[in-house]
Every structure is written in structure tokens, then in C-alpha cells.
Amino acid sequence: MMTKVTLYSKPGCHLCEPVQDTILAVQRERGFEFLVRNIEEDAADFEKYQHAIPVVVVDGREIARYKLSRRQLEAALESL
């Protein structure tokens, strides 16, 4: 089964754009499924993350809030 990286975000989130760029750059090299979830489209996501985005989850495990470095994502992928 392919690793899944999920970014919890919402439209207009200025912190989310660089995090998404980092994820996409690593995805080009490592190949994994990448999902962006708009927290405004799901009440449970909104309740959980309304004051915390961006949040990055790898295979169900939260690895970052607000910022994400390439090193953080690579370490999370290697630890699977």
C-alpha cells in the first residue's frame, strides 16, 4: 500500500502554500499519495484544526503543524 501524506488546509491559508510546495518537491523524488483536505468542507476537520493549520499527517500520524521542513517529511517517510 502506498504511503499517504495529507495536508489539512483551507483556501487563503498563507502558511499552507510553502508547506504544500515542500510536500510536492519531496513527492516528485519519493512517490507517495498526496491529499489536500479543506477543513472548511468537513465539520470534524474544522473543529479539530481550525486554529492549527497547516497540519501534515503521514499515514495517520501527525508530523507537523504550521511549518514543515523537507527534513521533517523525509524523516517521517523513512520511519515507516
Protein backbone atom coordinates (compact mmCIF):
# COMPACT_ATOMS: atom_id res chain seq x y z
CA MET A 1 0.00 0.00 0.00
CA MET A 2 1.29 3.45 -0.90
CA THR A 3 2.16 5.94 1.82
CA LYS A 4 -0.38 8.75 2.17
CA VAL A 5 0.55 12.32 3.09
CA THR A 6 -2.37 14.58 3.99
CA LEU A 7 -2.26 18.35 4.29
CA TYR A 8 -5.09 19.93 6.29
CA SER A 9 -5.59 23.40 4.86
CA LYS A 10 -8.18 25.94 3.74
CA PRO A 11 -8.42 28.47 0.92
CA GLY A 12 -6.36 31.60 1.52
CA CYS A 13 -4.05 30.00 4.08
CA HIS A 14 -0.72 31.77 3.54
CA LEU A 15 1.18 29.32 5.76
CA CYS A 16 -0.16 26.35 3.78
CA GLU A 17 1.38 27.26 0.43
CA PRO A 18 5.06 26.74 1.38
CA VAL A 19 4.15 23.51 3.19
CA GLN A 20 2.38 22.22 0.09
CA ASP A 21 5.38 23.20 -2.06
CA THR A 22 7.68 21.21 0.25
CA ILE A 23 5.43 18.16 0.09
CA LEU A 24 5.22 18.32 -3.71
CA ALA A 25 9.01 18.63 -4.05
CA VAL A 26 9.57 15.52 -1.90
CA GLN A 27 6.75 13.67 -3.69
CA ARG A 28 8.50 14.12 -7.06
CA GLU A 29 11.50 12.24 -5.68
CA ARG A 30 9.89 9.66 -3.40
CA GLY A 31 6.45 8.95 -4.79
CA PHE A 32 3.57 8.84 -2.32
CA GLU A 33 -0.12 9.67 -2.38
CA PHE A 34 -0.75 13.34 -1.54
CA LEU A 35 -4.13 14.65 -0.40
CA VAL A 36 -5.15 18.20 0.49
CA ARG A 37 -8.14 18.36 2.83
CA ASN A 38 -10.03 21.63 3.07
CA ILE A 39 -11.05 21.85 6.72
CA GLU A 40 -14.00 24.06 5.77
CA GLU A 41 -15.60 21.12 3.95
CA ASP A 42 -15.71 18.81 6.97
CA ALA A 43 -17.11 19.82 10.36
CA ALA A 44 -14.87 17.39 12.29
CA ASP A 45 -11.74 18.60 10.49
CA PHE A 46 -12.74 22.21 11.11
CA GLU A 47 -13.35 21.59 14.81
CA LYS A 48 -10.02 19.82 15.21
CA TYR A 49 -7.79 22.06 13.07
CA GLN A 50 -9.43 25.50 12.82
CA HIS A 51 -6.61 27.16 14.80
CA ALA A 52 -3.78 24.84 13.79
CA ILE A 53 -3.37 24.74 10.01
CA PRO A 54 -1.42 23.74 8.14
CA VAL A 55 -1.25 20.25 9.64
CA VAL A 56 0.63 17.44 7.92
CA VAL A 57 -0.26 13.81 8.56
CA VAL A 58 1.67 10.81 7.23
CA ASP A 59 -0.27 7.54 7.23
CA GLY A 60 -2.50 8.79 10.04
CA ARG A 61 0.31 10.19 12.20
CA GLU A 62 0.61 13.97 12.64
CA ILE A 63 4.15 15.10 11.89
CA ALA A 64 3.89 18.90 11.68
CA ARG A 65 1.79 21.99 12.41
CA TYR A 66 2.27 25.49 10.99
CA LYS A 67 5.61 24.70 9.27
CA LEU A 68 7.21 21.71 7.57
CA SER A 69 10.80 21.23 6.56
CA ARG A 70 11.91 18.84 3.90
CA ARG A 71 13.96 17.04 6.56
CA GLN A 72 10.87 16.53 8.77
CA LEU A 73 8.90 14.96 5.95
CA GLU A 74 11.77 12.77 4.79
CA ALA A 75 12.37 11.55 8.35
CA ALA A 76 8.68 10.69 8.74
CA LEU A 77 8.68 8.78 5.45
CA GLU A 78 11.84 6.87 6.39
CA SER A 79 10.43 5.86 9.78
CA LEU A 80 7.55 3.90 8.21
